[in-house]
Amino acid sequence: MLNDSYSVGAKLAKEMLDQGDLLIRKEFSSNQNYYKNAQDSAVSSIQYIVKQFNKDVENLVVDVEFY
């Protein structure tokens, strides 16, 4: 009996996780503001990381492009 309950619960949890993931992906792809915020965050993170690895380079400019 316990094993059945566990497997049913695990299956339900996976289905809920998959549904949530799908809803999040749909929301992000349909909302331009989310996309822009994610893109801005990615640019900021990439620039920071590149500058941290090149601390000895003065006036370093990091351009990030998306295609």
PDB file of N, CA and C in Angstrom:
ATOM      1  N   MET A   1       0.817  -1.194   0.000  1.00  0.00           N
ATOM      2  CA  MET A   1       0.000   0.000   0.000  1.00  0.00           C
ATOM      3  C   MET A   1       0.860   1.256   0.000  1.00  0.00           C
ATOM      4  N   LEU A   2       1.883   1.290   0.844  1.00  0.00           N
ATOM      5  CA  LEU A   2       2.744   2.460   0.904  1.00  0.00           C
ATOM      6  C   LEU A   2       3.439   2.729  -0.422  1.00  0.00           C
ATOM      7  N   ASN A   3       3.907   1.686  -1.077  1.00  0.00           N
ATOM      8  CA  ASN A   3       4.587   1.876  -2.350  1.00  0.00           C
ATOM      9  C   ASN A   3       3.655   2.481  -3.389  1.00  0.00           C
ATOM     10  N   ASP A   4       2.385   2.046  -3.384  1.00  0.00           N
ATOM     11  CA  ASP A   4       1.422   2.624  -4.321  1.00  0.00           C
ATOM     12  C   ASP A   4       1.245   4.118  -4.049  1.00  0.00           C
ATOM     13  N   SER A   5       1.130   4.476  -2.782  1.00  0.00           N
ATOM     14  CA  SER A   5       0.951   5.877  -2.424  1.00  0.00           C
ATOM     15  C   SER A   5       2.154   6.697  -2.850  1.00  0.00           C
ATOM     16  N   TYR A   6       3.343   6.148  -2.643  1.00  0.00           N
ATOM     17  CA  TYR A   6       4.560   6.854  -3.021  1.00  0.00           C
ATOM     18  C   TYR A   6       4.615   7.067  -4.526  1.00  0.00           C
ATOM     19  N   SER A   7       4.341   6.011  -5.291  1.00  0.00           N
ATOM     20  CA  SER A   7       4.437   6.135  -6.745  1.00  0.00           C
ATOM     21  C   SER A   7       3.378   7.083  -7.295  1.00  0.00           C
ATOM     22  N   VAL A   8       2.191   7.050  -6.718  1.00  0.00           N
ATOM     23  CA  VAL A   8       1.132   7.965  -7.146  1.00  0.00           C
ATOM     24  C   VAL A   8       1.536   9.399  -6.834  1.00  0.00           C
ATOM     25  N   GLY A   9       2.071   9.620  -5.638  1.00  0.00           N
ATOM     26  CA  GLY A   9       2.512  10.965  -5.249  1.00  0.00           C
ATOM     27  C   GLY A   9       3.653  11.461  -6.105  1.00  0.00           C
ATOM     28  N   ALA A  10       4.606  10.593  -6.400  1.00  0.00           N
ATOM     29  CA  ALA A  10       5.740  10.973  -7.233  1.00  0.00           C
ATOM     30  C   ALA A  10       5.282  11.316  -8.650  1.00  0.00           C
ATOM     31  N   LYS A  11       4.342  10.529  -9.167  1.00  0.00           N
ATOM     32  CA  LYS A  11       3.824  10.793 -10.509  1.00  0.00           C
ATOM     33  C   LYS A  11       3.080  12.126 -10.536  1.00  0.00           C
ATOM     34  N   LEU A  12       2.266  12.379  -9.528  1.00  0.00           N
ATOM     35  CA  LEU A  12       1.516  13.631  -9.446  1.00  0.00           C
ATOM     36  C   LEU A  12       2.464  14.827  -9.331  1.00  0.00           C
ATOM     37  N   ALA A  13       3.503  14.679  -8.511  1.00  0.00           N
ATOM     38  CA  ALA A  13       4.478  15.766  -8.352  1.00  0.00           C
ATOM     39  C   ALA A  13       5.179  16.057  -9.669  1.00  0.00           C
ATOM     40  N   LYS A  14       5.548  15.038 -10.420  1.00  0.00           N
ATOM     41  CA  LYS A  14       6.212  15.231 -11.717  1.00  0.00           C
ATOM     42  C   LYS A  14       5.269  15.907 -12.698  1.00  0.00           C
ATOM     43  N   GLU A  15       4.025  15.490 -12.728  1.00  0.00           N
ATOM     44  CA  GLU A  15       3.050  16.112 -13.631  1.00  0.00           C
ATOM     45  C   GLU A  15       2.860  17.594 -13.286  1.00  0.00           C
ATOM     46  N   MET A  16       2.781  17.882 -11.988  1.00  0.00           N
ATOM     47  CA  MET A  16       2.602  19.272 -11.569  1.00  0.00           C
ATOM     48  C   MET A  16       3.830  20.109 -11.925  1.00  0.00           C
ATOM     49  N   LEU A  17       5.008  19.544 -11.742  1.00  0.00           N
ATOM     50  CA  LEU A  17       6.241  20.238 -12.089  1.00  0.00           C
ATOM     51  C   LEU A  17       6.317  20.501 -13.593  1.00  0.00           C
ATOM     52  N   ASP A  18       5.962  19.510 -14.384  1.00  0.00           N
ATOM     53  CA  ASP A  18       5.957  19.671 -15.841  1.00  0.00           C
ATOM     54  C   ASP A  18       4.956  20.733 -16.284  1.00  0.00           C
ATOM     55  N   GLN A  19       3.770  20.729 -15.687  1.00  0.00           N
ATOM     56  CA  GLN A  19       2.753  21.727 -16.023  1.00  0.00           C
ATOM     57  C   GLN A  19       3.220  23.133 -15.641  1.00  0.00           C
ATOM     58  N   GLY A  20       3.821  23.249 -14.465  1.00  0.00           N
ATOM     59  CA  GLY A  20       4.334  24.538 -14.020  1.00  0.00           C
ATOM     60  C   GLY A  20       5.437  25.048 -14.925  1.00  0.00           C
ATOM     61  N   ASP A  21       6.325  24.148 -15.316  1.00  0.00           N
ATOM     62  CA  ASP A  21       7.411  24.517 -16.224  1.00  0.00           C
ATOM     63  C   ASP A  21       6.858  25.015 -17.551  1.00  0.00           C
ATOM     64  N   LEU A  22       5.861  24.314 -18.073  1.00  0.00           N
ATOM     65  CA  LEU A  22       5.240  24.707 -19.335  1.00  0.00           C
ATOM     66  C   LEU A  22       4.569  26.079 -19.214  1.00  0.00           C
ATOM     67  N   LEU A  23       3.858  26.305 -18.118  1.00  0.00           N
ATOM     68  CA  LEU A  23       3.208  27.600 -17.916  1.00  0.00           C
ATOM     69  C   LEU A  23       4.224  28.734 -17.814  1.00  0.00           C
ATOM     70  N   ILE A  24       5.316  28.496 -17.110  1.00  0.00           N
ATOM     71  CA  ILE A  24       6.365  29.517 -16.995  1.00  0.00           C
ATOM     72  C   ILE A  24       6.968  29.814 -18.355  1.00  0.00           C
ATOM     73  N   ARG A  25       7.263  28.780 -19.116  1.00  0.00           N
ATOM     74  CA  ARG A  25       7.850  28.983 -20.457  1.00  0.00           C
ATOM     75  C   ARG A  25       6.893  29.761 -21.363  1.00  0.00           C
ATOM     76  N   LYS A  26       5.613  29.424 -21.307  1.00  0.00           N
ATOM     77  CA  LYS A  26       4.629  30.138 -22.118  1.00  0.00           C
ATOM     78  C   LYS A  26       4.566  31.607 -21.716  1.00  0.00           C
ATOM     79  N   GLU A  27       4.562  31.857 -20.416  1.00  0.00           N
ATOM     80  CA  GLU A  27       4.479  33.236 -19.919  1.00  0.00           C
ATOM     81  C   GLU A  27       5.702  34.038 -20.341  1.00  0.00           C
ATOM     82  N   PHE A  28       6.879  33.446 -20.201  1.00  0.00           N
ATOM     83  CA  PHE A  28       8.093  34.157 -20.588  1.00  0.00           C
ATOM     84  C   PHE A  28       8.144  34.414 -22.086  1.00  0.00           C
ATOM     85  N   SER A  29       7.701  33.447 -22.879  1.00  0.00           N
ATOM     86  CA  SER A  29       7.769  33.641 -24.326  1.00  0.00           C
ATOM     87  C   SER A  29       6.683  34.581 -24.836  1.00  0.00           C
ATOM     88  N   SER A  30       5.602  34.748 -24.084  1.00  0.00           N
ATOM     89  CA  SER A  30       4.519  35.606 -24.554  1.00  0.00           C
ATOM     90  C   SER A  30       4.590  37.011 -23.966  1.00  0.00           C
ATOM     91  N   ASN A  31       5.438  37.228 -22.984  1.00  0.00           N
ATOM     92  CA  ASN A  31       5.510  38.529 -22.338  1.00  0.00           C
ATOM     93  C   ASN A  31       6.853  39.176 -22.667  1.00  0.00           C
ATOM     94  N   GLN A  32       6.836  40.189 -23.506  1.00  0.00           N
ATOM     95  CA  GLN A  32       8.051  40.859 -23.967  1.00  0.00           C
ATOM     96  C   GLN A  32       8.829  41.482 -22.808  1.00  0.00           C
ATOM     97  N   ASN A  33       8.132  41.929 -21.778  1.00  0.00           N
ATOM     98  CA  ASN A  33       8.802  42.542 -20.638  1.00  0.00           C
ATOM     99  C   ASN A  33       9.685  41.532 -19.910  1.00  0.00           C
ATOM    100  N   TYR A  34       9.195  40.310 -19.725  1.00  0.00           N
ATOM    101  CA  TYR A  34      10.005  39.268 -19.096  1.00  0.00           C
ATOM    102  C   TYR A  34      11.247  38.980 -19.936  1.00  0.00           C
ATOM    103  N   TYR A  35      11.050  38.886 -21.243  1.00  0.00           N
ATOM    104  CA  TYR A  35      12.161  38.599 -22.149  1.00  0.00           C
ATOM    105  C   TYR A  35      13.215  39.698 -22.059  1.00  0.00           C
ATOM    106  N   LYS A  36      12.778  40.944 -22.073  1.00  0.00           N
ATOM    107  CA  LYS A  36      13.703  42.081 -22.002  1.00  0.00           C
ATOM    108  C   LYS A  36      14.445  42.072 -20.666  1.00  0.00           C
ATOM    109  N   ASN A  37      13.746  41.824 -19.571  1.00  0.00           N
ATOM    110  CA  ASN A  37      14.396  41.766 -18.259  1.00  0.00           C
ATOM    111  C   ASN A  37      15.419  40.631 -18.190  1.00  0.00           C
ATOM    112  N   ALA A  38      15.087  39.485 -18.749  1.00  0.00           N
ATOM    113  CA  ALA A  38      16.013  38.354 -18.762  1.00  0.00           C
ATOM    114  C   ALA A  38      17.243  38.681 -19.602  1.00  0.00           C
ATOM    115  N   GLN A  39      17.021  39.335 -20.715  1.00  0.00           N
ATOM    116  CA  GLN A  39      18.122  39.721 -21.591  1.00  0.00           C
ATOM    117  C   GLN A  39      19.032  40.745 -20.896  1.00  0.00           C
ATOM    118  N   ASP A  40      18.447  41.734 -20.255  1.00  0.00           N
ATOM    119  CA  ASP A  40      19.227  42.737 -19.524  1.00  0.00           C
ATOM    120  C   ASP A  40      20.038  42.092 -18.405  1.00  0.00           C
ATOM    121  N   SER A  41      19.437  41.155 -17.714  1.00  0.00           N
ATOM    122  CA  SER A  41      20.129  40.453 -16.640  1.00  0.00           C
ATOM    123  C   SER A  41      21.297  39.636 -17.186  1.00  0.00           C
ATOM    124  N   ALA A  42      21.084  38.985 -18.318  1.00  0.00           N
ATOM    125  CA  ALA A  42      22.155  38.194 -18.939  1.00  0.00           C
ATOM    126  C   ALA A  42      23.309  39.095 -19.359  1.00  0.00           C
ATOM    127  N   VAL A  43      23.010  40.245 -19.948  1.00  0.00           N
ATOM    128  CA  VAL A  43      24.049  41.186 -20.371  1.00  0.00           C
ATOM    129  C   VAL A  43      24.856  41.636 -19.159  1.00  0.00           C
ATOM    130  N   SER A  44      24.173  42.018 -18.109  1.00  0.00           N
ATOM    131  CA  SER A  44      24.840  42.482 -16.897  1.00  0.00           C
ATOM    132  C   SER A  44      25.745  41.398 -16.310  1.00  0.00           C
ATOM    133  N   SER A  45      25.246  40.177 -16.249  1.00  0.00           N
ATOM    134  CA  SER A  45      26.026  39.068 -15.698  1.00  0.00           C
ATOM    135  C   SER A  45      27.260  38.773 -16.545  1.00  0.00           C
ATOM    136  N   ILE A  46      27.091  38.746 -17.845  1.00  0.00           N
ATOM    137  CA  ILE A  46      28.208  38.457 -18.748  1.00  0.00           C
ATOM    138  C   ILE A  46      29.265  39.552 -18.651  1.00  0.00           C
ATOM    139  N   GLN A  47      28.841  40.810 -18.663  1.00  0.00           N
ATOM    140  CA  GLN A  47      29.786  41.906 -18.559  1.00  0.00           C
ATOM    141  C   GLN A  47      30.560  41.829 -17.241  1.00  0.00           C
ATOM    142  N   TYR A  48      29.872  41.556 -16.159  1.00  0.00           N
ATOM    143  CA  TYR A  48      30.515  41.462 -14.851  1.00  0.00           C
ATOM    144  C   TYR A  48      31.563  40.355 -14.837  1.00  0.00           C
ATOM    145  N   ILE A  49      31.195  39.189 -15.335  1.00  0.00           N
ATOM    146  CA  ILE A  49      32.117  38.044 -15.327  1.00  0.00           C
ATOM    147  C   ILE A  49      33.344  38.339 -16.177  1.00  0.00           C
ATOM    148  N   VAL A  50      33.149  38.880 -17.369  1.00  0.00           N
ATOM    149  CA  VAL A  50      34.283  39.183 -18.254  1.00  0.00           C
ATOM    150  C   VAL A  50      35.200  40.207 -17.593  1.00  0.00           C
ATOM    151  N   LYS A  51      34.628  41.227 -16.979  1.00  0.00           N
ATOM    152  CA  LYS A  51      35.448  42.251 -16.324  1.00  0.00           C
ATOM    153  C   LYS A  51      36.189  41.688 -15.114  1.00  0.00           C
ATOM    154  N   GLN A  52      35.575  40.770 -14.394  1.00  0.00           N
ATOM    155  CA  GLN A  52      36.242  40.157 -13.246  1.00  0.00           C
ATOM    156  C   GLN A  52      37.445  39.318 -13.678  1.00  0.00           C
ATOM    157  N   PHE A  53      37.348  38.673 -14.833  1.00  0.00           N
ATOM    158  CA  PHE A  53      38.462  37.870 -15.336  1.00  0.00           C
ATOM    159  C   PHE A  53      39.540  38.726 -15.995  1.00  0.00           C
ATOM    160  N   ASN A  54      39.245  40.006 -16.237  1.00  0.00           N
ATOM    161  CA  ASN A  54      40.189  40.902 -16.906  1.00  0.00           C
ATOM    162  C   ASN A  54      40.385  42.183 -16.108  1.00  0.00           C
ATOM    163  N   LYS A  55      40.600  42.044 -14.822  1.00  0.00           N
ATOM    164  CA  LYS A  55      40.740  43.204 -13.946  1.00  0.00           C
ATOM    165  C   LYS A  55      41.921  44.086 -14.330  1.00  0.00           C
ATOM    166  N   ASP A  56      42.924  43.516 -14.961  1.00  0.00           N
ATOM    167  CA  ASP A  56      44.113  44.272 -15.317  1.00  0.00           C
ATOM    168  C   ASP A  56      43.921  45.108 -16.596  1.00  0.00           C
ATOM    169  N   VAL A  57      42.822  44.937 -17.300  1.00  0.00           N
ATOM    170  CA  VAL A  57      42.552  45.680 -18.527  1.00  0.00           C
ATOM    171  C   VAL A  57      41.763  46.947 -18.184  1.00  0.00           C
ATOM    172  N   GLU A  58      42.385  48.101 -18.434  1.00  0.00           N
ATOM    173  CA  GLU A  58      41.721  49.368 -18.123  1.00  0.00           C
ATOM    174  C   GLU A  58      40.697  49.718 -19.205  1.00  0.00           C
ATOM    175  N   ASN A  59      39.614  50.347 -18.796  1.00  0.00           N
ATOM    176  CA  ASN A  59      38.570  50.828 -19.706  1.00  0.00           C
ATOM    177  C   ASN A  59      38.029  49.738 -20.636  1.00  0.00           C
ATOM    178  N   LEU A  60      37.935  48.547 -20.117  1.00  0.00           N
ATOM    179  CA  LEU A  60      37.421  47.423 -20.905  1.00  0.00           C
ATOM    180  C   LEU A  60      35.939  47.641 -21.211  1.00  0.00           C
ATOM    181  N   VAL A  61      35.585  47.480 -22.464  1.00  0.00           N
ATOM    182  CA  VAL A  61      34.198  47.586 -22.888  1.00  0.00           C
ATOM    183  C   VAL A  61      33.751  46.204 -23.358  1.00  0.00           C
ATOM    184  N   VAL A  62      32.665  45.714 -22.794  1.00  0.00           N
ATOM    185  CA  VAL A  62      32.152  44.391 -23.152  1.00  0.00           C
ATOM    186  C   VAL A  62      30.806  44.586 -23.840  1.00  0.00           C
ATOM    187  N   ASP A  63      30.768  44.230 -25.115  1.00  0.00           N
ATOM    188  CA  ASP A  63      29.515  44.297 -25.885  1.00  0.00           C
ATOM    189  C   ASP A  63      28.915  42.903 -25.963  1.00  0.00           C
ATOM    190  N   VAL A  64      27.640  42.810 -25.677  1.00  0.00           N
ATOM    191  CA  VAL A  64      26.948  41.519 -25.733  1.00  0.00           C
ATOM    192  C   VAL A  64      25.809  41.659 -26.740  1.00  0.00           C
ATOM    193  N   GLU A  65      25.755  40.722 -27.682  1.00  0.00           N
ATOM    194  CA  GLU A  65      24.696  40.752 -28.694  1.00  0.00           C
ATOM    195  C   GLU A  65      23.883  39.463 -28.624  1.00  0.00           C
ATOM    196  N   PHE A  66      22.613  39.579 -28.930  1.00  0.00           N
ATOM    197  CA  PHE A  66      21.727  38.422 -29.004  1.00  0.00           C
ATOM    198  C   PHE A  66      21.224  38.281 -30.426  1.00  0.00           C
ATOM    199  N   TYR A  67      21.104  37.064 -30.864  1.00  0.00           N
ATOM    200  CA  TYR A  67      20.606  36.819 -32.220  1.00  0.00           C
ATOM    201  C   TYR A  67      19.284  36.122 -32.169  1.00  0.00           C
TER     202      TYR A  67
END
